[in-house]
Amino acid sequence: MPHDTTLIGTVVAGLGVAFLMGALAHRLKISPIAGYLLAGVMVGPFTPGFVADTGLAMQLAEIGVILLMFGVGLHFSLKDLLSVRKIAVPGAIVQMAVATGLGIGLGLWLGWSLAGSAVFGLALSVASTVVLLRALQARDMVETEKGRIAVGWLIVEDLAMVLALVLLPALFGGGGDEGGSAGLLESAGIVALKVVGFVAFMLVVARRILPWVLHWVAHTGSRELFRLAVLAIALGVAFGAAVVFDVSFALGAFFAGMILGETQLSRRAAEETLPLRDAFAVLFFVSVGMLFDPKVLVEQPGPVIATVAIIVFGKSLAAWAIVRAFGHPNQTALTVSVSLAQIGEFSFILAGLGVGLKVMPAEARDLILAGSILSILFNPLFFTLAVRRIRSEEAPAADGDADVEAVAAEPARTVLIGFGRVGSHIGELLCGRGETLTVIEDQKDMAAAAGAAGATVIVGNAASESVLRQAGLDTASTLLIAIPEGVEAGAIVRRARAINPKLVIVARAHSDEEVNDLVRRGADHVVMAERETAARMAERALLARG
């Protein structure tokens, strides 16, 4: 029986080779993203052997972008978005203008037309949604002030690219000058009306319907139906936004997630989409690698280096200067600038449109692809270096803050690590009973909440021995570890036990493996949520029977 295996072959080859290359990258202690990109080159049309379908791969990657932006929207609110508008809107516009200007300069130097150089520069000015969000999520920065500014900046770039993709055909689509500036203004006005219409529809109509649908499905008790409802909402709203309002898939998914994020089911919705989100995000990197022709590195080394320099250094320096000019600290400026030091999906779409309209030469598209591959490859390294610099700058500030707060305080009897969903409840209970509590938290918004609850706060990474000592762990009697990451918790337990052998350590775990690992590293008590819930329910059942 004959079968059309193009889609299956693309998915199997993409995920299979990505797994092998990602595992090899992990073994070599480099970012798995490098392995995924190499996997795409291996299954792409420019290397021998199996060739996956590039068109299908790009569509699969688009699903990853939709699910990723939906997940971000679940943790974002309209208030968060509006709170960063004063820096995100002018910042994104100025940064895009600077990057576009640098691209125009390179294009003119290479002998291209002004229009082609402008399209080339515009393609270099917009960051990849997937890369930026993966970097922020890996370091738990999405819900911090730095992360909110970066995401808000990304939304503004997204809107700008939607406008550019509509206006380019109007400018160079073969209509000549018949419409003139009036036609151009009309096209821009239509785009603006569609965007405003989409936002109004989501905030007025969808804001009432989507939460009701999700709550109704949750009350059916079917986990399968709930998961299906979440995926249907994410993909359906994204597709409808693109078809009806001509906005991007990513923007539609973000607003869908933001609306559902206001409900009590947002956390469950995020958990249900996480596996598919990760799988399709991997396919995104594979699809990028498939577009890359390695010959461009040999044939045009100078232009490639110049392109990468604009993306990695030109954009970053512009973003850093803009954020600093608005009065934000160096840590925020570093986070935003490094987040934007790459290009991705919108750049490919714009490059393809520019070549298709015969505005931009084909070699410009090759440079954009090369710049994307290399910038995505280097971005995790730059992000790691930036985070180290940020933490080194925050540590002295945290020292000063802690000294002021703890001048008249007795040595801390209890140290709590993490003031998130679990840690905040622990902190409120202990502070309410008059406990002397010190909280270690690396996210400033959560640290502020801990301070408001009455705790002494140390802003920093608890995996650092210096931060643990700063919190007075050597004189504390109890350490409570409320963070959900088992691997990081194990490292903290080991360091804490070395600092204070008499310390009573209570940690949190989510599996038997984590329990065993934490006990082996020195934890006295490990609380596993599932076990505690089961024990409490059984106890209540026995009490009810008499």
Protein backbone atom coordinates (compact mmCIF):
# COMPACT_ATOMS: atom_id res chain seq x y z
CA MET A 1 0.00 0.00 0.00
CA PRO A 2 1.64 3.29 -1.06
CA HIS A 3 2.09 6.03 1.54
CA ASP A 4 3.04 9.69 1.26
CA THR A 5 5.73 9.88 3.92
CA THR A 6 7.00 13.42 3.30
CA LEU A 7 5.58 14.86 6.52
CA ILE A 8 6.48 11.80 8.60
CA GLY A 9 9.98 11.71 7.15
CA THR A 10 10.52 15.39 7.89
CA VAL A 11 9.38 15.03 11.51
CA VAL A 12 11.33 11.81 12.12
CA ALA A 13 14.52 13.09 10.50
CA GLY A 14 14.25 16.46 12.21
CA LEU A 15 13.64 15.15 15.73
CA GLY A 16 15.88 12.10 15.40
CA VAL A 17 18.98 13.88 14.13
CA ALA A 18 18.29 16.81 16.48
CA PHE A 19 18.31 14.41 19.41
CA LEU A 20 21.66 12.92 18.39
CA MET A 21 23.29 16.28 17.74
CA GLY A 22 21.70 17.85 20.84
CA ALA A 23 23.00 14.99 23.01
CA LEU A 24 26.46 15.41 21.49
CA ALA A 25 26.36 19.17 22.17
CA HIS A 26 25.30 18.52 25.76
CA ARG A 27 28.15 16.05 26.13
CA LEU A 28 30.60 18.67 24.87
CA LYS A 29 29.05 21.18 27.35
CA ILE A 30 27.83 23.60 24.69
CA SER A 31 24.30 24.80 24.03
CA PRO A 32 21.98 22.10 22.57
CA ILE A 33 20.80 24.78 20.11
CA ALA A 34 24.11 24.32 18.27
CA GLY A 35 23.28 20.64 17.86
CA TYR A 36 19.78 21.37 16.57
CA LEU A 37 21.11 23.84 13.99
CA LEU A 38 23.75 21.32 12.84
CA ALA A 39 21.02 18.68 12.56
CA GLY A 40 19.13 21.00 10.21
CA VAL A 41 22.21 21.45 8.03
CA MET A 42 22.63 17.65 7.90
CA VAL A 43 19.07 16.99 6.69
CA GLY A 44 18.92 20.10 4.50
CA PRO A 45 19.25 20.36 0.71
CA PHE A 46 22.87 21.59 0.75
CA THR A 47 24.44 18.44 2.24
CA PRO A 48 24.46 14.86 0.87
CA GLY A 49 22.11 12.16 2.14
CA PHE A 50 18.48 12.39 3.20
CA VAL A 51 16.83 15.74 2.40
CA ALA A 52 13.79 16.77 4.45
CA ASP A 53 11.02 18.97 3.06
CA THR A 54 12.03 22.56 3.85
CA GLY A 55 8.53 23.97 3.33
CA LEU A 56 6.97 21.49 5.75
CA ALA A 57 9.73 22.06 8.28
CA MET A 58 9.07 25.81 8.27
CA GLN A 59 5.34 25.24 8.84
CA LEU A 60 6.07 22.88 11.73
CA ALA A 61 8.44 25.48 13.16
CA GLU A 62 5.64 28.06 12.97
CA ILE A 63 3.58 25.85 15.29
CA GLY A 64 6.46 26.02 17.74
CA VAL A 65 6.42 29.81 17.57
CA ILE A 66 2.65 29.83 18.20
CA LEU A 67 2.88 27.54 21.25
CA LEU A 68 5.86 29.41 22.65
CA MET A 69 4.17 32.81 22.42
CA PHE A 70 0.98 31.32 23.86
CA GLY A 71 2.99 30.07 26.84
CA VAL A 72 4.54 33.49 27.35
CA GLY A 73 1.14 35.12 27.18
CA LEU A 74 -0.09 32.81 29.97
CA HIS A 75 2.49 34.39 32.30
CA PHE A 76 1.91 37.92 31.02
CA SER A 77 -0.91 40.35 31.71
CA LEU A 78 -2.15 43.46 29.95
CA LYS A 79 -0.88 45.42 32.95
CA ASP A 80 2.61 43.96 32.46
CA LEU A 81 2.55 44.88 28.78
CA LEU A 82 1.41 48.44 29.40
CA SER A 83 3.93 48.88 32.22
CA VAL A 84 6.86 48.61 29.78
CA ARG A 85 5.35 50.58 26.88
CA LYS A 86 7.36 53.73 27.67
CA ILE A 87 10.66 51.89 27.07
CA ALA A 88 9.58 49.09 24.71
CA VAL A 89 7.89 51.24 22.04
CA PRO A 90 10.51 53.97 21.51
CA GLY A 91 13.34 51.55 22.28
CA ALA A 92 12.31 49.01 19.65
CA ILE A 93 11.72 51.72 17.02
CA VAL A 94 15.09 53.40 17.59
CA GLN A 95 16.97 50.09 17.76
CA MET A 96 15.36 48.90 14.52
CA ALA A 97 16.26 52.22 12.87
CA VAL A 98 19.91 51.90 13.94
CA ALA A 99 20.19 48.28 12.76
CA THR A 100 18.46 49.12 9.48
CA GLY A 101 20.86 52.02 8.92
CA LEU A 102 23.86 49.75 9.49
CA GLY A 103 22.38 47.21 7.05
CA ILE A 104 21.84 49.93 4.45
CA GLY A 105 25.47 50.96 4.80
CA LEU A 106 26.69 47.39 4.24
CA GLY A 107 24.33 46.87 1.30
CA LEU A 108 25.43 50.05 -0.44
CA TRP A 109 29.08 49.08 0.14
CA LEU A 110 28.35 45.74 -1.58
CA GLY A 111 26.82 47.57 -4.57
CA TRP A 112 23.14 46.90 -3.96
CA SER A 113 20.31 49.37 -4.56
CA LEU A 114 19.08 51.61 -1.75
CA ALA A 115 15.73 49.78 -1.60
CA GLY A 116 17.40 46.36 -1.47
CA SER A 117 19.83 47.56 1.21
CA ALA A 118 16.91 48.91 3.26
CA VAL A 119 15.07 45.57 3.15
CA PHE A 120 18.32 43.82 4.08
CA GLY A 121 18.85 46.16 7.03
CA LEU A 122 15.26 45.77 8.19
CA ALA A 123 15.67 41.98 8.16
CA LEU A 124 18.70 42.33 10.45
CA SER A 125 16.81 44.54 12.91
CA VAL A 126 14.23 42.09 14.27
CA ALA A 127 14.99 39.34 16.80
CA SER A 128 13.82 35.73 16.77
CA THR A 129 10.84 35.02 19.01
CA VAL A 130 11.93 31.46 19.75
CA VAL A 131 15.55 32.25 20.61
CA LEU A 132 14.69 35.22 22.83
CA LEU A 133 11.99 33.40 24.77
CA ARG A 134 13.99 30.19 25.14
CA ALA A 135 16.88 32.18 26.59
CA LEU A 136 14.63 34.02 29.06
CA GLN A 137 12.72 30.90 30.09
CA ALA A 138 15.90 28.89 30.64
CA ARG A 139 16.98 31.50 33.21
CA ASP A 140 13.52 32.15 34.75
CA MET A 141 13.56 35.77 33.55
CA VAL A 142 10.25 36.00 31.68
CA GLU A 143 8.34 37.32 34.70
CA THR A 144 11.05 39.73 35.86
CA GLU A 145 11.22 43.40 34.91
CA LYS A 146 14.08 42.63 32.51
CA GLY A 147 12.07 39.87 30.87
CA ARG A 148 8.93 41.99 30.56
CA ILE A 149 10.85 44.75 28.80
CA ALA A 150 12.42 42.23 26.40
CA VAL A 151 9.03 40.63 25.60
CA GLY A 152 7.36 44.03 25.19
CA TRP A 153 10.20 45.06 22.86
CA LEU A 154 9.60 41.84 20.89
CA ILE A 155 5.88 42.61 20.53
CA VAL A 156 6.66 46.06 19.11
CA GLU A 157 9.11 44.51 16.61
CA ASP A 158 6.44 41.98 15.67
CA LEU A 159 3.93 44.73 14.91
CA ALA A 160 6.53 46.67 12.92
CA MET A 161 7.29 43.62 10.79
CA VAL A 162 3.58 43.00 10.14
CA LEU A 163 3.41 46.55 8.79
CA ALA A 164 6.57 46.06 6.69
CA LEU A 165 5.32 42.81 5.15
CA VAL A 166 2.12 44.55 4.03
CA LEU A 167 3.76 47.73 2.75
CA LEU A 168 6.55 46.07 0.74
CA PRO A 169 4.23 44.63 -1.95
CA ALA A 170 2.41 47.99 -2.05
CA LEU A 171 5.71 49.74 -2.71
CA PHE A 172 7.36 47.27 -5.08
CA GLY A 173 4.57 44.98 -6.26
CA GLY A 174 4.50 46.23 -9.82
CA GLY A 175 1.84 48.90 -9.48
CA GLY A 176 4.27 51.64 -10.32
CA ASP A 177 3.54 55.05 -8.90
CA GLU A 178 -0.18 55.00 -9.69
CA GLY A 179 -1.21 54.98 -6.07
CA GLY A 180 1.63 57.20 -4.97
CA SER A 181 1.93 58.22 -1.37
CA ALA A 182 -1.87 58.17 -1.00
CA GLY A 183 -1.96 54.44 -1.75
CA LEU A 184 0.85 53.81 0.67
CA LEU A 185 -0.90 55.71 3.43
CA GLU A 186 -4.09 53.83 2.68
CA SER A 187 -2.28 50.48 3.06
CA ALA A 188 -0.70 51.61 6.34
CA GLY A 189 -4.08 52.81 7.60
CA ILE A 190 -5.72 49.49 6.77
CA VAL A 191 -3.00 47.60 8.64
CA ALA A 192 -3.39 49.85 11.67
CA LEU A 193 -7.18 49.39 11.64
CA LYS A 194 -6.81 45.61 11.45
CA VAL A 195 -4.37 45.54 14.37
CA VAL A 196 -6.64 47.77 16.46
CA GLY A 197 -9.63 45.63 15.46
CA PHE A 198 -7.82 42.47 16.50
CA VAL A 199 -6.81 43.89 19.88
CA ALA A 200 -10.34 45.19 20.49
CA PHE A 201 -11.86 41.83 19.54
CA MET A 202 -9.54 39.96 21.91
CA LEU A 203 -10.08 42.33 24.84
CA VAL A 204 -13.85 42.70 24.44
CA VAL A 205 -15.16 39.45 22.92
CA ALA A 206 -12.51 36.76 23.37
CA ARG A 207 -11.83 37.89 26.95
CA ARG A 208 -15.35 36.72 27.83
CA ILE A 209 -15.60 33.59 25.69
CA LEU A 210 -12.19 31.88 26.00
CA PRO A 211 -12.03 31.69 29.84
CA TRP A 212 -15.62 30.43 29.94
CA VAL A 213 -14.82 27.67 27.44
CA LEU A 214 -11.72 26.58 29.36
CA HIS A 215 -13.56 26.54 32.71
CA TRP A 216 -16.39 24.51 31.20
CA VAL A 217 -13.92 21.95 29.83
CA ALA A 218 -12.08 21.78 33.16
CA HIS A 219 -15.34 20.95 34.93
CA THR A 220 -15.87 17.95 32.65
CA GLY A 221 -12.97 16.29 34.48
CA SER A 222 -11.36 15.06 31.26
CA ARG A 223 -7.65 15.86 31.13
CA GLU A 224 -7.53 14.83 27.48
CA LEU A 225 -10.34 17.23 26.59
CA PHE A 226 -8.71 20.04 28.58
CA ARG A 227 -5.40 19.56 26.76
CA LEU A 228 -7.23 19.52 23.44
CA ALA A 229 -9.11 22.72 24.35
CA VAL A 230 -5.88 24.55 25.23
CA LEU A 231 -4.22 23.54 21.96
CA ALA A 232 -7.35 24.40 19.96
CA ILE A 233 -7.50 27.87 21.53
CA ALA A 234 -3.79 28.56 21.01
CA LEU A 235 -3.65 27.40 17.40
CA GLY A 236 -7.17 28.55 16.49
CA VAL A 237 -6.75 32.11 17.73
CA ALA A 238 -3.32 32.37 16.09
CA PHE A 239 -4.64 31.11 12.75
CA GLY A 240 -7.77 33.27 12.94
CA ALA A 241 -5.69 36.35 13.76
CA ALA A 242 -3.55 35.77 10.66
CA VAL A 243 -6.46 35.01 8.30
CA VAL A 244 -9.03 37.56 9.49
CA PHE A 245 -6.88 40.43 10.80
CA ASP A 246 -3.63 39.85 8.87
CA VAL A 247 -1.50 39.94 12.05
CA SER A 248 1.17 37.37 12.78
CA PHE A 249 0.56 33.91 14.25
CA ALA A 250 2.85 34.83 17.15
CA LEU A 251 0.90 37.97 18.07
CA GLY A 252 -2.43 36.13 17.96
CA ALA A 253 -1.12 33.33 20.17
CA PHE A 254 0.37 35.82 22.64
CA PHE A 255 -2.96 37.59 23.13
CA ALA A 256 -4.79 34.26 23.52
CA GLY A 257 -2.35 33.23 26.22
CA MET A 258 -2.54 36.64 27.93
CA ILE A 259 -6.32 36.40 28.19
CA LEU A 260 -6.24 32.87 29.60
CA GLY A 261 -3.41 33.94 31.92
CA GLU A 262 -5.96 35.95 33.92
CA THR A 263 -7.81 32.76 34.87
CA GLN A 264 -7.01 30.30 37.66
CA LEU A 265 -6.34 27.60 35.05
CA SER A 266 -3.34 29.38 33.49
CA ARG A 267 -0.70 27.26 35.22
CA ARG A 268 -2.40 24.02 34.20
CA ALA A 269 -2.74 25.27 30.61
CA ALA A 270 0.99 26.08 30.53
CA GLU A 271 1.90 22.62 31.80
CA GLU A 272 -0.32 20.89 29.23
CA THR A 273 1.32 22.67 26.28
CA LEU A 274 4.91 22.35 27.51
CA PRO A 275 5.87 19.01 25.82
CA LEU A 276 4.58 20.07 22.39
CA ARG A 277 6.11 23.52 22.86
CA ASP A 278 9.57 22.03 23.40
CA ALA A 279 9.29 19.56 20.50
CA PHE A 280 8.19 22.16 17.96
CA ALA A 281 10.76 24.67 19.22
CA VAL A 282 13.43 22.09 18.35
CA LEU A 283 11.93 21.77 14.88
CA PHE A 284 12.26 25.54 14.52
CA PHE A 285 16.03 25.37 14.96
CA VAL A 286 16.22 22.38 12.62
CA SER A 287 14.28 24.32 9.96
CA VAL A 288 16.71 27.24 10.28
CA GLY A 289 19.65 24.90 9.77
CA MET A 290 18.01 23.41 6.67
CA LEU A 291 18.04 26.82 4.96
CA PHE A 292 21.76 27.32 5.46
CA ASP A 293 24.23 26.74 2.62
CA PRO A 294 27.72 26.35 4.19
CA LYS A 295 29.37 27.51 0.93
CA VAL A 296 28.52 31.13 1.75
CA LEU A 297 31.11 31.05 4.55
CA VAL A 298 33.85 30.31 2.00
CA GLU A 299 32.57 32.43 -0.88
CA GLN A 300 31.69 35.60 1.11
CA PRO A 301 33.62 35.59 4.40
CA GLY A 302 33.90 39.39 4.67
CA PRO A 303 30.20 40.20 4.16
CA VAL A 304 29.24 37.33 6.49
CA ILE A 305 31.44 38.73 9.27
CA ALA A 306 30.05 42.23 8.71
CA THR A 307 26.46 40.90 8.83
CA VAL A 308 27.07 39.01 12.06
CA ALA A 309 28.76 42.08 13.57
CA ILE A 310 25.67 44.20 12.84
CA ILE A 311 23.38 41.61 14.44
CA VAL A 312 25.49 40.75 17.46
CA PHE A 313 27.24 44.04 18.22
CA GLY A 314 25.40 46.83 16.35
CA LYS A 315 21.92 45.88 17.57
CA SER A 316 23.14 45.04 21.07
CA LEU A 317 25.01 48.30 21.58
CA ALA A 318 22.04 50.29 20.29
CA ALA A 319 19.61 48.46 22.60
CA TRP A 320 21.96 48.78 25.59
CA ALA A 321 22.39 52.53 25.02
CA ILE A 322 18.63 53.07 24.64
CA VAL A 323 17.73 51.17 27.83
CA ARG A 324 20.41 53.02 29.79
CA ALA A 325 19.23 56.35 28.35
CA PHE A 326 15.79 55.65 29.80
CA GLY A 327 17.30 55.33 33.26
CA HIS A 328 17.23 51.56 33.68
CA PRO A 329 20.14 49.79 35.44
CA ASN A 330 22.99 48.12 33.60
CA GLN A 331 21.62 44.64 34.43
CA THR A 332 18.38 45.37 32.57
CA ALA A 333 20.25 46.91 29.64
CA LEU A 334 22.52 43.85 29.35
CA THR A 335 19.59 41.42 29.44
CA VAL A 336 17.63 43.26 26.75
CA SER A 337 20.64 43.84 24.49
CA VAL A 338 21.84 40.23 24.60
CA SER A 339 18.28 38.93 24.10
CA LEU A 340 18.03 40.88 20.84
CA ALA A 341 21.48 39.89 19.50
CA GLN A 342 20.12 37.41 16.95
CA ILE A 343 17.62 37.18 14.09
CA GLY A 344 15.13 34.52 13.07
CA GLU A 345 11.78 33.72 11.54
CA PHE A 346 10.58 37.20 10.50
CA SER A 347 13.95 37.88 8.90
CA PHE A 348 13.54 34.83 6.64
CA ILE A 349 10.03 35.85 5.63
CA LEU A 350 11.12 39.39 4.83
CA ALA A 351 14.18 38.16 2.91
CA GLY A 352 12.04 35.80 0.83
CA LEU A 353 9.58 38.58 0.06
CA GLY A 354 12.38 40.98 -0.88
CA VAL A 355 13.94 38.49 -3.28
CA GLY A 356 10.52 37.53 -4.69
CA LEU A 357 9.72 41.19 -5.45
CA LYS A 358 13.19 41.51 -7.03
CA VAL A 359 14.03 44.33 -4.65
CA MET A 360 16.87 42.54 -2.89
CA PRO A 361 19.54 40.32 -4.52
CA ALA A 362 19.63 36.60 -3.71
CA GLU A 363 23.07 36.93 -2.10
CA ALA A 364 21.51 39.21 0.52
CA ARG A 365 19.21 36.36 1.57
CA ASP A 366 22.24 34.07 1.90
CA LEU A 367 23.91 36.61 4.18
CA ILE A 368 20.75 36.90 6.29
CA LEU A 369 20.60 33.12 6.70
CA ALA A 370 24.30 32.94 7.57
CA GLY A 371 23.89 35.78 10.05
CA SER A 372 20.90 34.05 11.62
CA ILE A 373 22.69 30.72 12.03
CA LEU A 374 25.83 32.24 13.52
CA SER A 375 24.00 34.70 15.80
CA ILE A 376 21.69 31.97 17.13
CA LEU A 377 24.76 29.78 17.66
CA PHE A 378 26.60 32.45 19.64
CA ASN A 379 23.59 33.82 21.54
CA PRO A 380 23.57 31.26 24.41
CA LEU A 381 27.26 31.94 25.04
CA PHE A 382 26.73 35.70 25.12
CA PHE A 383 23.68 35.25 27.36
CA THR A 384 25.70 33.16 29.83
CA LEU A 385 28.44 35.78 29.97
CA ALA A 386 25.86 38.54 30.44
CA VAL A 387 24.11 36.67 33.28
CA ARG A 388 27.45 36.20 35.06
CA ARG A 389 28.13 39.92 34.73
CA ILE A 390 24.63 40.74 35.99
CA ARG A 391 25.00 38.51 39.04
CA SER A 392 28.42 39.93 39.85
CA GLU A 393 26.91 43.44 39.74
CA GLU A 394 23.83 42.49 41.77
CA ALA A 395 25.79 40.73 44.54
CA PRO A 396 27.42 43.93 45.95
CA ALA A 397 24.08 45.74 45.76
CA ALA A 398 22.42 42.87 47.60
CA ASP A 399 25.21 42.98 50.22
CA GLY A 400 24.50 46.65 50.88
CA ASP A 401 20.75 46.13 51.07
CA ALA A 402 21.11 43.18 53.42
CA ASP A 403 23.43 45.09 55.75
CA VAL A 404 20.94 47.93 56.08
CA GLU A 405 18.01 45.62 56.79
CA ALA A 406 19.85 43.37 59.21
CA VAL A 407 21.68 45.95 61.32
CA ALA A 408 19.41 45.61 64.35
CA ALA A 409 18.24 42.07 63.66
CA GLU A 410 19.26 38.91 65.48
CA PRO A 411 20.91 36.12 63.46
CA ALA A 412 18.40 34.44 61.18
CA ARG A 413 16.91 31.26 62.64
CA THR A 414 15.34 30.25 59.32
CA VAL A 415 16.54 30.79 55.75
CA LEU A 416 14.06 30.30 52.91
CA ILE A 417 15.19 29.86 49.31
CA GLY A 418 12.61 30.86 46.73
CA PHE A 419 9.54 33.07 47.20
CA GLY A 420 7.41 31.71 44.37
CA ARG A 421 4.15 29.81 44.52
CA VAL A 422 5.22 27.58 47.44
CA GLY A 423 7.82 29.80 49.10
CA SER A 424 5.45 32.76 49.41
CA HIS A 425 2.99 30.68 51.47
CA ILE A 426 5.81 29.44 53.70
CA GLY A 427 7.08 32.97 54.20
CA GLU A 428 3.66 34.37 55.09
CA LEU A 429 3.11 31.60 57.66
CA LEU A 430 6.51 32.02 59.32
CA CYS A 431 6.48 35.82 59.33
CA GLY A 432 2.93 35.73 60.70
CA ARG A 433 4.18 33.70 63.66
CA GLY A 434 6.99 36.14 64.39
CA GLU A 435 9.83 34.02 62.96
CA THR A 436 13.09 35.72 62.05
CA LEU A 437 13.20 34.86 58.36
CA THR A 438 15.73 35.56 55.62
CA VAL A 439 14.67 34.93 52.03
CA ILE A 440 17.05 34.33 49.12
CA GLU A 441 15.43 35.20 45.78
CA ASP A 442 17.02 36.07 42.43
CA GLN A 443 13.94 37.68 40.85
CA LYS A 444 13.47 41.24 42.07
CA ASP A 445 9.67 41.27 41.86
CA MET A 446 9.42 38.20 44.09
CA ALA A 447 12.14 39.60 46.35
CA ALA A 448 10.04 42.75 46.78
CA ALA A 449 7.04 40.60 47.77
CA ALA A 450 9.20 38.81 50.37
CA GLY A 451 10.30 42.14 51.82
CA ALA A 452 6.69 43.31 51.99
CA ALA A 453 5.82 40.15 53.95
CA GLY A 454 8.34 41.11 56.63
CA ALA A 455 11.40 39.05 55.70
CA THR A 456 15.01 40.14 55.30
CA VAL A 457 15.78 39.70 51.61
CA ILE A 458 18.97 38.69 49.84
CA VAL A 459 18.77 39.22 46.08
CA GLY A 460 20.98 36.63 44.39
CA ASN A 461 21.40 33.06 43.20
CA ALA A 462 21.21 30.60 46.10
CA ALA A 463 23.52 28.20 44.28
CA SER A 464 26.36 30.64 45.05
CA GLU A 465 28.24 29.95 48.29
CA SER A 466 28.83 33.67 48.86
CA VAL A 467 25.07 34.34 48.72
CA LEU A 468 24.38 31.54 51.21
CA ARG A 469 26.95 32.96 53.61
CA GLN A 470 25.54 36.45 53.13
CA ALA A 471 22.15 35.11 54.27
CA GLY A 472 23.73 34.03 57.57
CA LEU A 473 23.49 30.32 56.91
CA ASP A 474 26.37 29.57 59.27
CA THR A 475 24.28 30.83 62.22
CA ALA A 476 20.84 29.66 61.04
CA SER A 477 19.05 26.67 62.50
CA THR A 478 16.84 25.73 59.54
CA LEU A 479 17.08 25.95 55.75
CA LEU A 480 13.92 25.61 53.66
CA ILE A 481 14.42 25.06 49.91
CA ALA A 482 11.17 25.88 48.10
CA ILE A 483 12.42 26.10 44.50
CA PRO A 484 11.03 23.44 42.11
CA GLU A 485 14.30 22.67 40.30
CA GLY A 486 15.65 19.41 41.78
CA VAL A 487 19.14 19.62 40.26
CA GLU A 488 19.76 23.16 41.52
CA ALA A 489 18.30 22.24 44.92
CA GLY A 490 20.78 19.35 45.19
CA ALA A 491 23.73 21.70 44.59
CA ILE A 492 22.36 24.11 47.24
CA VAL A 493 21.98 21.30 49.79
CA ARG A 494 25.58 20.20 49.28
CA ARG A 495 26.97 23.73 49.72
CA ALA A 496 24.70 24.48 52.69
CA ARG A 497 25.75 21.31 54.49
CA ALA A 498 29.41 22.25 54.00
CA ILE A 499 28.79 25.74 55.46
CA ASN A 500 26.78 24.55 58.49
CA PRO A 501 26.93 20.82 59.36
CA LYS A 502 24.33 21.26 62.16
CA LEU A 503 21.77 22.91 59.89
CA VAL A 504 18.35 21.27 59.55
CA ILE A 505 17.60 21.19 55.81
CA VAL A 506 14.07 20.73 54.47
CA ALA A 507 13.75 20.54 50.67
CA ARG A 508 11.03 20.16 48.06
CA ALA A 509 10.91 17.39 45.43
CA HIS A 510 8.64 16.14 42.65
CA SER A 511 9.84 12.55 42.15
CA ASP A 512 11.38 9.63 44.00
CA GLU A 513 14.66 10.21 42.15
CA GLU A 514 14.82 13.80 43.41
CA VAL A 515 14.02 12.66 46.95
CA ASN A 516 16.87 10.12 46.91
CA ASP A 517 19.30 12.63 45.40
CA LEU A 518 18.51 15.34 47.97
CA VAL A 519 18.81 12.93 50.89
CA ARG A 520 22.11 11.64 49.53
CA ARG A 521 23.45 15.19 49.31
CA GLY A 522 22.56 15.99 52.92
CA ALA A 523 18.89 17.02 53.23
CA ASP A 524 17.29 16.02 56.55
CA HIS A 525 13.71 16.07 55.30
CA VAL A 526 12.34 16.07 51.77
CA VAL A 527 8.70 16.98 51.11
CA MET A 528 7.17 15.40 48.01
CA ALA A 529 3.91 17.13 47.16
CA GLU A 530 2.16 14.03 45.86
CA ARG A 531 2.97 12.00 48.99
CA GLU A 532 1.94 14.78 51.38
CA THR A 533 -1.34 15.30 49.54
CA ALA A 534 -2.10 11.57 49.60
CA ALA A 535 -1.28 11.29 53.31
CA ARG A 536 -3.42 14.32 54.19
CA MET A 537 -6.39 13.07 52.17
CA ALA A 538 -6.17 9.60 53.72
CA GLU A 539 -5.97 11.17 57.18
CA ARG A 540 -9.08 13.26 56.51
CA ALA A 541 -10.93 10.18 55.26
CA LEU A 542 -10.10 8.22 58.44
CA LEU A 543 -11.13 11.14 60.66
CA ALA A 544 -14.42 11.51 58.80
CA ARG A 545 -15.27 7.85 59.49
CA GLY A 546 -14.79 8.30 63.13
